Protein backbone atom coordinates (compact mmCIF):
# COMPACT_ATOMS: atom_id res chain seq x y z
CA MET A 1 -0.23 -0.01 0.47
CA SER A 2 1.09 3.28 -0.26
CA GLU A 3 1.02 6.43 2.04
CA ASP A 4 -1.30 9.30 0.99
CA PRO A 5 0.31 11.80 -0.96
CA LYS A 6 1.24 15.35 0.35
CA PRO A 7 -1.18 17.92 0.78
CA ASP A 8 -0.70 21.18 -1.90
CA GLN A 9 -0.28 24.38 -0.76
CA PHE A 10 -4.14 24.72 -1.21
CA GLU A 11 -4.52 22.21 0.95
CA LYS A 12 -2.27 23.23 3.80
CA ARG A 13 -3.62 26.95 3.58
CA LEU A 14 -6.90 25.53 3.99
CA ARG A 15 -6.30 22.88 7.05
CA PHE A 16 -4.19 25.81 8.60
CA GLY A 17 -7.43 28.36 7.97
CA CYS A 18 -10.15 25.70 9.16
CA GLY A 19 -7.81 25.34 12.55
CA PHE A 20 -7.46 28.81 12.69
CA LEU A 21 -10.52 29.55 13.30
CA LEU A 22 -11.71 26.94 15.67
CA GLY A 23 -9.00 28.07 17.96
CA LEU A 24 -10.32 31.52 17.73
CA LEU A 25 -13.37 29.95 18.55
CA SER A 26 -12.29 27.90 21.61
CA GLY A 27 -9.66 30.79 22.41
CA GLY A 28 -12.80 32.80 22.69
CA VAL A 29 -14.53 30.43 24.97
CA LEU A 30 -11.20 30.55 27.09
CA ALA A 31 -10.45 34.15 27.57
CA VAL A 32 -14.10 34.81 28.52
CA LEU A 33 -14.00 32.09 30.93
CA LEU A 34 -10.56 33.75 32.27
CA VAL A 35 -11.71 36.83 32.01
CA ILE A 36 -14.54 36.22 34.73
CA HIS A 37 -12.51 34.06 36.70
CA LEU A 38 -10.15 37.11 37.45
CA LEU A 39 -12.83 39.60 37.22
CA GLN A 40 -15.25 37.45 40.45
CA GLY A 41 -11.08 37.06 42.06
CA GLY A 42 -10.57 41.29 41.81
CA LEU A 43 -7.07 40.52 40.13
CA ALA A 44 -7.67 42.27 36.89
CA SER A 45 -7.12 45.50 35.53
CA SER A 46 -9.01 46.47 32.72
CA ASN A 47 -5.70 46.52 30.49
CA GLY A 48 -4.43 43.57 31.77
CA ILE A 49 -7.81 41.75 31.10
CA LYS A 50 -7.26 42.66 26.85
CA VAL A 51 -4.10 42.09 26.52
CA THR A 52 -4.36 38.75 28.50
CA ALA A 53 -7.39 37.92 26.70
CA VAL A 54 -6.32 38.69 22.97
CA ALA A 55 -3.07 36.70 23.82
CA VAL A 56 -4.95 33.91 24.61
CA VAL A 57 -7.51 33.95 21.87
CA LEU A 58 -4.11 34.37 18.89
CA GLY A 59 -2.37 32.14 20.97
CA MET A 60 -4.98 29.53 20.43
CA ALA A 61 -5.56 30.61 17.06
CA MET A 62 -2.13 30.09 15.61
CA LEU A 63 -1.20 26.82 17.83
CA PHE A 64 -4.86 25.12 16.10
CA GLY A 65 -4.14 26.81 12.62
CA TRP A 66 -0.40 24.50 12.95
CA LEU A 67 -2.04 21.40 14.59
CA ALA A 68 -4.68 20.93 11.92
CA MET A 69 -2.06 22.01 8.87
CA ARG A 70 0.55 19.14 10.60
CA GLN A 71 -1.33 16.72 12.05
CA ASP A 72 -4.13 16.72 8.90
CA ASP A 73 -7.30 13.99 10.39
CA ARG A 74 -5.85 13.47 13.19
CA PHE A 75 -6.09 16.67 14.71
CA TRP A 76 -9.80 17.04 14.12
CA GLN A 77 -10.64 13.84 15.44
CA LYS A 78 -9.08 14.79 18.79
CA ALA A 79 -10.49 17.86 18.38
CA LEU A 80 -14.02 16.14 18.13
CA ASP A 81 -13.06 14.25 20.82
CA TRP A 82 -12.44 16.82 23.45
CA VAL A 83 -15.84 18.29 22.30
CA VAL A 84 -17.61 15.74 22.92
CA ALA A 85 -16.06 14.98 26.67
CA PHE A 86 -16.86 18.60 26.97
CA VAL A 87 -20.26 18.53 26.35
CA SER A 88 -20.96 15.41 28.02
CA GLY A 89 -18.77 16.47 31.30
CA THR A 90 -16.98 13.58 31.01
């Protein structure tokens, strides 16, 4: 059996873009939870919150984009497993 052919530039960009979008969504949820936690604990200043939230969102978007591009369908299977576990609470 032969291995799957290497993805071309369009497929790599598409995978990165889709992973980036998932990272934006996931990072946004995480940033909101982080901001709520910091505000409840009184540990936050308005500038610190903004910088931290933007860093979390962009960092996760870049990481997810890179992982989606490098790991192919394995990344999406893992992401689906994590979403199911998060939603079901297990």
